[in-house]
Protein backbone atom coordinates (compact mmCIF):
# COMPACT_ATOMS: atom_id res chain seq x y z
CA MET A 1 5.69 62.21 34.98
CA ALA A 2 7.36 58.77 34.31
CA LYS A 3 6.16 57.12 31.16
CA ILE A 4 6.26 53.28 31.09
CA ALA A 5 6.12 50.62 28.35
CA ILE A 6 5.37 47.01 28.79
CA MET A 7 6.61 44.33 26.48
CA GLY A 8 4.32 41.35 26.51
CA HIS A 9 0.79 41.13 27.76
CA GLY A 10 0.72 37.51 28.94
CA VAL A 11 0.26 36.36 32.49
CA VAL A 12 3.01 38.50 34.08
CA GLY A 13 2.74 41.56 31.67
CA SER A 14 -1.01 41.78 32.15
CA GLY A 15 -0.41 41.67 35.93
CA VAL A 16 2.03 44.56 35.67
CA ALA A 17 -0.53 46.61 33.68
CA GLU A 18 -3.28 45.64 36.11
CA LEU A 19 -1.25 46.70 39.14
CA LEU A 20 -0.14 50.02 37.62
CA TRP A 21 -3.74 50.69 36.67
CA ASN A 22 -5.54 49.66 39.82
CA ASN A 23 -2.85 50.71 42.43
CA ARG A 24 -1.83 53.96 40.75
CA GLU A 25 -2.21 56.05 43.80
CA THR A 26 0.09 53.69 45.84
CA VAL A 27 2.54 53.44 43.09
CA GLU A 28 2.80 57.14 42.57
CA LYS A 29 3.10 57.81 46.31
CA ASN A 30 6.10 55.46 46.50
CA ALA A 31 7.62 56.63 43.24
CA LEU A 32 7.37 60.31 44.40
CA GLU A 33 5.88 61.27 40.96
CA PRO A 34 3.07 60.40 38.57
CA VAL A 35 3.55 57.16 36.62
CA SER A 36 1.64 56.12 33.52
CA VAL A 37 1.73 53.29 30.94
CA LYS A 38 2.15 54.83 27.54
CA ARG A 39 2.55 51.62 25.38
CA ILE A 40 1.99 47.89 25.65
CA LEU A 41 3.63 45.63 23.03
CA ASP A 42 1.72 42.51 22.03
CA LEU A 43 0.62 40.82 18.82
CA ARG A 44 -2.84 40.52 20.21
CA SER A 45 -5.40 43.27 20.82
CA PHE A 46 -7.44 43.63 23.91
CA PRO A 47 -10.39 45.92 23.07
CA LYS A 48 -12.30 45.37 26.39
CA LEU A 49 -9.50 46.66 28.58
CA PRO A 50 -9.59 50.18 29.94
CA TYR A 51 -6.17 50.82 28.47
CA ALA A 52 -6.89 49.20 25.05
CA ASP A 53 -5.65 52.27 23.15
CA GLN A 54 -2.17 51.79 24.48
CA PHE A 55 -1.46 48.54 22.63
CA THR A 56 0.95 48.34 19.68
CA THR A 57 2.46 45.54 17.65
CA ASP A 58 5.49 47.55 16.63
CA VAL A 59 8.53 47.65 19.01
CA ASN A 60 9.69 50.86 17.45
CA ASP A 61 6.81 52.66 18.96
CA ILE A 62 8.57 52.08 22.22
CA LEU A 63 12.17 52.35 21.13
CA GLN A 64 11.77 55.59 19.20
CA ASP A 65 9.57 57.30 21.86
CA ASN A 66 11.80 59.45 23.99
CA GLU A 67 9.09 60.03 26.59
CA ILE A 68 9.27 56.45 27.59
CA THR A 69 12.07 55.99 30.15
CA ILE A 70 11.34 52.67 31.65
CA VAL A 71 10.42 49.38 29.92
CA ALA A 72 8.98 46.27 31.64
CA GLU A 73 9.97 43.11 29.65
CA ALA A 74 7.62 40.29 30.27
CA MET A 75 7.94 38.31 27.01
CA GLY A 76 10.06 35.46 28.21
CA GLY A 77 12.88 33.63 26.44
CA VAL A 78 16.22 34.96 25.17
CA ASN A 79 15.06 35.97 21.67
CA PRO A 80 13.73 38.43 20.72
CA ALA A 81 13.82 39.80 24.29
CA TYR A 82 17.66 40.10 24.34
CA GLU A 83 17.49 42.35 21.22
CA PHE A 84 14.69 44.44 22.49
CA VAL A 85 16.16 44.94 25.91
CA SER A 86 19.63 45.79 24.49
CA ASP A 87 18.02 48.33 22.20
CA CYS A 88 16.12 49.94 25.11
CA LEU A 89 19.26 50.23 27.27
CA LYS A 90 21.17 51.74 24.30
CA ARG A 91 18.43 54.35 23.94
CA GLY A 92 18.68 55.32 27.54
CA LYS A 93 15.75 53.44 28.84
CA SER A 94 15.85 51.50 32.07
CA VAL A 95 14.57 47.95 31.84
CA VAL A 96 12.86 45.80 34.41
CA THR A 97 12.31 42.09 33.76
CA SER A 98 10.94 38.83 35.15
CA ASN A 99 12.85 36.92 32.44
CA LYS A 100 15.08 34.43 34.31
CA GLU A 101 16.36 32.82 31.07
CA LEU A 102 17.50 36.17 29.71
CA VAL A 103 19.17 37.22 33.06
CA ALA A 104 20.89 33.84 33.41
CA GLN A 105 22.32 33.88 29.93
CA LYS A 106 22.92 37.56 29.27
CA GLY A 107 23.00 39.22 32.67
CA ALA A 108 26.63 40.38 32.73
CA GLU A 109 26.39 41.85 29.30
CA LEU A 110 23.15 43.72 29.95
CA LEU A 111 24.30 45.02 33.36
CA ALA A 112 27.45 46.35 31.72
CA LEU A 113 25.38 47.96 28.93
CA ALA A 114 23.05 49.53 31.47
CA ALA A 115 26.01 50.94 33.43
CA LYS A 116 27.54 52.29 30.26
CA GLU A 117 24.33 54.21 29.38
CA ASN A 118 23.85 55.22 33.14
CA VAL A 119 20.41 53.46 33.36
CA ASN A 120 19.12 50.44 35.23
CA PHE A 121 18.60 46.77 34.38
CA LEU A 122 16.56 45.33 37.25
CA PHE A 123 15.31 41.78 37.62
CA GLU A 124 13.85 41.20 41.17
CA ALA A 125 11.03 39.15 39.66
CA SER A 126 13.39 36.70 37.91
CA VAL A 127 13.99 34.66 41.03
CA GLY A 128 11.22 33.77 43.49
CA GLY A 129 8.41 35.71 41.92
CA GLY A 130 7.11 37.96 44.64
CA ILE A 131 9.75 36.91 47.20
CA PRO A 132 12.28 39.78 47.68
CA ILE A 133 15.74 38.20 47.32
CA ILE A 134 17.61 40.20 44.69
CA HIS A 135 17.49 43.43 46.56
CA PRO A 136 18.53 41.91 49.87
CA LEU A 137 21.50 40.30 48.23
CA HIS A 138 22.88 43.46 46.64
CA LYS A 139 21.79 45.84 49.42
CA CYS A 140 20.91 44.46 52.88
CA LEU A 141 23.47 41.67 53.04
CA THR A 142 26.47 43.33 51.31
CA ALA A 143 28.36 43.57 54.67
CA ASN A 144 28.32 39.82 54.72
CA ARG A 145 30.49 37.15 53.12
CA ILE A 146 27.95 34.82 51.63
CA ASN A 147 28.93 31.37 52.77
CA GLY A 148 26.18 29.61 50.81
CA ILE A 149 22.74 29.84 49.22
CA MET A 150 20.26 27.00 49.09
CA GLY A 151 16.76 27.18 47.83
CA ILE A 152 13.45 25.55 46.69
CA LEU A 153 13.20 27.67 43.59
CA ASN A 154 10.38 25.97 41.62
CA GLY A 155 6.82 25.82 42.77
CA THR A 156 5.80 23.14 40.30
CA THR A 157 8.28 20.56 41.49
CA ASN A 158 7.59 21.49 45.07
CA PHE A 159 3.94 20.80 44.55
CA ILE A 160 4.68 17.48 42.92
CA LEU A 161 6.93 16.33 45.65
CA THR A 162 4.50 17.56 48.27
CA SER A 163 1.70 15.54 46.70
CA MET A 164 3.99 12.42 46.56
CA TYR A 165 4.78 12.92 50.23
CA GLN A 166 1.20 13.74 51.55
CA LYS A 167 -0.83 11.49 49.32
CA GLY A 168 1.59 8.67 48.34
CA MET A 169 1.18 9.57 44.66
CA SER A 170 3.48 8.57 41.88
CA PHE A 171 5.52 11.22 40.09
CA ASP A 172 3.40 10.74 36.95
CA ASP A 173 0.12 11.10 38.86
CA ALA A 174 1.27 14.09 40.86
CA LEU A 175 2.45 15.75 37.61
CA LYS A 176 -0.90 15.17 35.97
CA MET A 177 -2.66 16.73 38.94
CA ALA A 178 -0.26 19.77 38.78
CA GLN A 179 -1.10 20.14 35.08
CA GLU A 180 -4.79 19.94 35.70
CA LEU A 181 -4.48 22.67 38.35
CA GLY A 182 -2.45 24.91 36.15
CA TYR A 183 0.68 24.57 38.24
CA ALA A 184 2.57 22.76 35.46
CA GLU A 185 2.82 23.32 31.70
CA ARG A 186 1.78 20.78 29.23
CA GLU A 187 5.36 20.38 28.34
CA PRO A 188 6.81 20.36 31.93
CA SER A 189 10.50 19.58 31.26
CA ALA A 190 11.82 23.09 32.18
CA ASP A 191 10.36 22.60 35.67
CA VAL A 192 10.67 18.80 36.35
CA ASP A 193 14.11 18.46 34.77
CA GLY A 194 15.57 21.25 36.91
CA HIS A 195 16.25 23.82 34.20
CA ASP A 196 14.13 26.58 35.82
CA THR A 197 15.78 26.10 39.15
CA CYS A 198 19.20 26.10 37.42
CA ARG A 199 18.58 29.58 35.92
CA LYS A 200 17.51 31.00 39.20
CA ILE A 201 20.44 29.59 41.27
CA CYS A 202 22.81 30.89 38.53
CA ILE A 203 21.35 34.44 39.03
CA LEU A 204 21.68 34.27 42.75
CA ALA A 205 25.21 32.87 42.59
CA SER A 206 26.26 35.45 40.06
CA LEU A 207 24.98 38.33 42.23
CA ALA A 208 26.44 36.78 45.45
CA TYR A 209 29.94 36.05 44.11
CA GLY A 210 30.31 38.75 41.49
CA LYS A 211 30.98 36.60 38.39
CA HIS A 212 28.52 35.36 35.73
CA ILE A 213 27.60 31.77 36.22
CA TYR A 214 26.12 30.18 33.01
CA PRO A 215 23.56 27.45 33.28
CA GLN A 216 25.62 25.09 31.14
CA TYR A 217 28.34 25.15 33.96
CA VAL A 218 25.86 23.74 36.52
CA HIS A 219 25.16 20.03 37.13
CA THR A 220 21.37 19.72 36.83
CA GLU A 221 19.08 16.86 37.74
CA GLY A 222 15.31 16.84 37.94
CA ILE A 223 12.85 14.81 39.99
CA ARG A 224 11.47 12.29 37.42
CA HIS A 225 13.26 9.41 39.10
CA VAL A 226 12.15 10.19 42.66
CA THR A 227 9.52 7.66 43.93
CA PRO A 228 7.05 7.36 46.72
CA GLU A 229 9.37 4.72 48.18
CA ASP A 230 12.17 7.12 48.35
CA ILE A 231 10.02 9.73 50.05
CA ALA A 232 8.75 7.07 52.54
CA TYR A 233 12.43 6.28 53.43
CA ALA A 234 13.25 9.92 53.75
CA GLU A 235 10.35 10.32 56.20
CA SER A 236 11.54 7.28 58.24
CA TRP A 237 15.03 8.86 58.39
CA GLY A 238 13.54 12.13 59.69
CA GLY A 239 13.43 14.30 56.64
CA THR A 240 12.03 14.88 53.18
CA VAL A 241 13.01 15.09 49.52
CA LYS A 242 13.19 18.55 47.78
CA LEU A 243 14.58 19.81 44.48
CA ILE A 244 17.35 22.10 45.59
CA GLY A 245 19.44 24.68 43.87
CA SER A 246 22.61 25.43 45.94
CA VAL A 247 25.86 27.17 45.85
CA LYS A 248 28.79 27.34 48.26
CA PRO A 249 32.28 28.82 47.94
CA LEU A 250 35.11 26.43 48.41
CA PRO A 251 38.64 27.05 49.84
CA ASN A 252 40.15 26.60 46.39
CA GLY A 253 38.14 29.64 45.06
CA LYS A 254 35.74 27.48 43.09
CA LEU A 255 32.02 27.36 43.64
CA ALA A 256 30.14 24.06 44.53
CA LEU A 257 27.07 24.71 42.39
CA MET A 258 24.32 22.16 41.68
CA VAL A 259 20.65 21.52 41.09
CA CYS A 260 19.34 18.13 42.15
CA PRO A 261 16.90 16.36 44.48
CA MET A 262 18.26 16.21 48.03
CA LEU A 263 17.30 14.68 51.28
CA LEU A 264 16.78 17.39 53.89
CA PRO A 265 16.49 16.73 57.56
CA ASN A 266 13.26 18.13 59.17
CA SER A 267 15.45 20.51 61.15
CA CYS A 268 16.33 22.36 57.95
CA PRO A 269 14.26 25.49 57.52
CA LEU A 270 13.47 24.57 53.84
CA ALA A 271 12.08 21.11 54.81
CA PRO A 272 8.51 22.18 55.78
CA ILE A 273 7.96 24.39 52.65
CA SER A 274 5.21 22.74 50.72
CA ASP A 275 2.89 23.05 47.75
CA VAL A 276 3.83 25.81 45.30
CA PHE A 277 5.71 27.89 47.77
CA ASN A 278 9.35 28.71 47.40
CA GLY A 279 12.11 29.39 49.98
CA VAL A 280 15.71 30.59 49.80
CA LEU A 281 18.12 30.20 52.66
CA VAL A 282 21.18 32.57 52.71
CA LYS A 283 24.08 31.99 54.99
CA GLY A 284 25.98 35.18 55.78
CA ASP A 285 29.06 35.23 58.00
CA ALA A 286 27.56 37.98 60.13
CA THR A 287 23.86 37.39 59.93
CA GLY A 288 23.91 33.65 60.03
CA ASP A 289 21.02 31.94 58.26
CA VAL A 290 18.49 34.22 56.65
CA MET A 291 15.17 32.82 55.27
CA PHE A 292 13.13 34.15 52.34
CA TYR A 293 9.72 32.48 51.82
CA GLY A 294 6.63 32.98 49.71
CA ARG A 295 4.87 32.40 46.51
CA GLY A 296 7.57 31.81 43.92
CA ALA A 297 5.41 32.51 40.81
CA GLY A 298 1.93 33.62 39.77
CA LYS A 299 0.51 36.67 38.00
CA LEU A 300 0.26 39.25 40.78
CA PRO A 301 3.14 38.09 43.01
CA THR A 302 5.59 38.34 40.01
CA ALA A 303 3.93 41.56 38.83
CA SER A 304 4.41 43.01 42.28
CA ALA A 305 8.13 42.45 42.10
CA MET A 306 8.22 44.04 38.69
CA VAL A 307 6.30 47.06 39.73
CA GLY A 308 8.64 47.37 42.79
CA ASP A 309 11.61 47.55 40.27
CA ILE A 310 9.68 50.14 38.18
CA ILE A 311 9.27 52.32 41.24
CA ASP A 312 13.06 51.89 41.91
CA ALA A 313 13.86 52.87 38.34
CA VAL A 314 11.65 56.00 38.62
CA LYS A 315 13.51 57.01 41.83
CA HIS A 316 17.05 56.05 40.61
CA HIS A 317 17.60 57.63 37.24
CA ALA A 318 21.28 56.61 37.30
CA THR A 319 22.62 53.16 37.55
CA ILE A 320 22.35 51.47 40.96
CA PRO A 321 26.04 50.51 41.49
CA THR A 322 25.52 47.59 43.86
CA LEU A 323 23.52 45.61 41.39
CA HIS A 324 26.24 44.17 39.24
CA TRP A 325 28.46 41.15 38.37
CA ALA A 326 31.22 40.74 35.81
CA GLU A 327 31.73 38.43 32.89
CA CYS A 328 33.78 35.33 33.84
CA GLY A 329 36.50 34.21 31.62
CA GLU A 330 36.46 30.55 32.68
CA ASN A 331 34.07 28.10 34.45
CA PRO A 332 34.26 29.03 38.16
CA THR A 333 32.52 25.91 39.37
CA GLU A 334 34.03 22.84 40.92
CA PRO A 335 33.61 19.62 38.94
CA PHE A 336 30.47 18.02 40.19
CA GLU A 337 32.16 14.58 40.60
CA ASP A 338 34.52 16.11 43.14
CA ILE A 339 31.90 17.67 45.42
CA PRO A 340 31.34 15.39 48.54
CA ALA A 341 28.10 14.44 50.20
CA ALA A 342 26.53 11.62 52.06
CA PHE A 343 24.19 9.65 49.70
CA TYR A 344 20.89 7.80 50.09
CA PHE A 345 20.74 4.51 48.14
CA ARG A 346 17.69 2.27 47.49
CA VAL A 347 18.54 -1.16 46.11
CA ASN A 348 17.02 -4.55 45.33
CA THR A 349 18.84 -7.73 46.33
CA ARG A 350 17.68 -11.20 47.25
CA GLY A 351 20.86 -11.81 49.34
CA LYS A 352 22.75 -9.87 51.92
CA LEU A 353 24.24 -6.56 51.13
CA PRO A 354 27.91 -6.72 50.05
CA ARG A 355 30.81 -5.63 52.25
CA GLU A 356 30.99 -2.28 50.34
CA VAL A 357 28.12 -1.02 52.50
CA ARG A 358 29.37 -2.12 55.85
CA GLY A 359 29.08 0.64 58.46
CA PHE A 360 26.44 2.57 56.51
CA GLU A 361 23.18 3.57 58.20
CA LEU A 362 20.31 1.18 57.28
CA LEU A 363 16.87 2.62 56.81
CA LYS A 364 13.43 0.98 57.14
CA ARG A 365 9.93 1.78 55.88
CA ASP A 366 6.58 0.14 56.42
CA HIS A 367 5.46 -2.51 53.90
CA ALA A 368 8.90 -2.67 52.22
CA PRO A 369 9.30 -5.90 50.17
CA ASP A 370 11.90 -8.40 51.45
CA ASP A 371 14.26 -7.71 48.55
CA GLU A 372 14.39 -3.97 49.09
CA LYS A 373 17.06 -2.22 51.11
CA ALA A 374 17.98 1.34 51.76
CA PHE A 375 20.96 2.95 53.40
CA ILE A 376 22.79 6.24 53.91
CA THR A 377 26.52 6.26 53.17
CA ARG A 378 29.39 8.23 54.81
CA VAL A 379 30.43 11.49 53.05
CA MET A 380 32.16 10.84 49.86
CA PRO A 381 32.78 12.62 46.51
CA ASP A 382 30.13 12.06 43.84
CA SER A 383 32.67 10.09 41.76
CA GLU A 384 33.15 7.61 44.67
CA ALA A 385 29.27 7.23 45.00
CA THR A 386 29.31 6.36 41.24
CA ARG A 387 31.93 3.78 41.79
CA LEU A 388 29.92 2.34 44.58
CA SER A 389 26.87 2.12 42.33
CA THR A 390 28.92 0.17 39.83
CA ALA A 391 30.36 -2.15 42.52
CA LEU A 392 26.78 -2.84 43.78
CA GLU A 393 25.54 -3.67 40.23
CA ASP A 394 28.64 -5.89 39.69
CA ALA A 395 27.65 -7.77 42.79
CA GLY A 396 24.14 -8.42 41.56
CA VAL A 397 22.54 -5.69 43.56
CA ALA A 398 20.22 -3.41 41.54
CA VAL A 399 20.52 0.25 42.38
CA CYS A 400 17.09 1.82 42.14
CA SER A 401 17.78 5.29 43.61
CA ARG A 402 20.61 7.49 44.61
CA ILE A 403 20.03 10.88 46.12
CA ARG A 404 22.40 13.36 47.69
CA LEU A 405 21.93 14.57 51.30
CA ALA A 406 21.86 18.28 51.64
CA ASP A 407 25.00 19.78 53.03
CA PHE A 408 24.73 23.45 53.89
CA GLY A 409 27.76 23.46 56.23
CA ASP A 410 28.75 26.05 58.83
């Protein structure tokens, strides 16, 4: 019998316990042996639950119990999760986690520690909630060179942008509605400023390209500056605005890696993904474009991915060799200012647009004021787009918005 411990009984941890309790027959059938939860670590007690006697407030009840061979970490954050997970691995216990911050910051180290102890560190639930993406990357797609990954990786921001698009809401109003519906935290900066998406694209990039990508390497923007006017221009152009995490290998060996709002044409498979749903587009040299879509968060979708990892850990007592990446001695990313794209600009001017924008594609929207103009530039490095912004301002043209156009390439 496999004995399991759960660290944290919040939204995700309680979902793991619930699935293991309610779906025991299915879990054991797929795991090929009985599975039971022996301990649940939490500072709170839950006397009304059918497994109330399994709770503990002392992590040593898990660490020092040799019967427990698999631990599900659902506490979140780096500390104390990092210490607890490291101690579990050192004691020969496999760990599964949904903790994207932990994996993004400490993944290389924890994978190496798991390999040293011949156990597993699994994290399917850390990216995309219930969407299977980690397993396909290190198993199903390993015959491919990965030519790029591009994803809508945060349900909160996608819900906000969808509300702005469908209802003409301002960012602030859409955020307030997301908070009222429970889709956004009271302190929403991790979502709306792009940090959550950044951690997730770092995990995917690390796995796809074999070297640890730290979040601090990645240019990260959020969606606070996106307006209904920008979305209306995107619609008239034939597309939409999404918060995108993307990575693409460059000929010089560097990675073009970023998180920012992007204009996507309606032909892009990510464009129609709405509300709290997530989508990841992976470009393999053999498969072409492969799309993963579903609920990117939530109690049971995320718990489903964690229980799937628990079943894998039960069936694979030794380290799964394909799930790995190495520590990287230097920043492997291309400087953001050197990464080219076409850009959308929205500006205010009483006069004509200056000569710097000649030849650019002009956009229109209904009910635009006379002093508002919008255009799409040619492809240029981000540094050149910055110089264009400065030249426009110097010419008396107020730059209101600047958004990259998505470039997934061939």
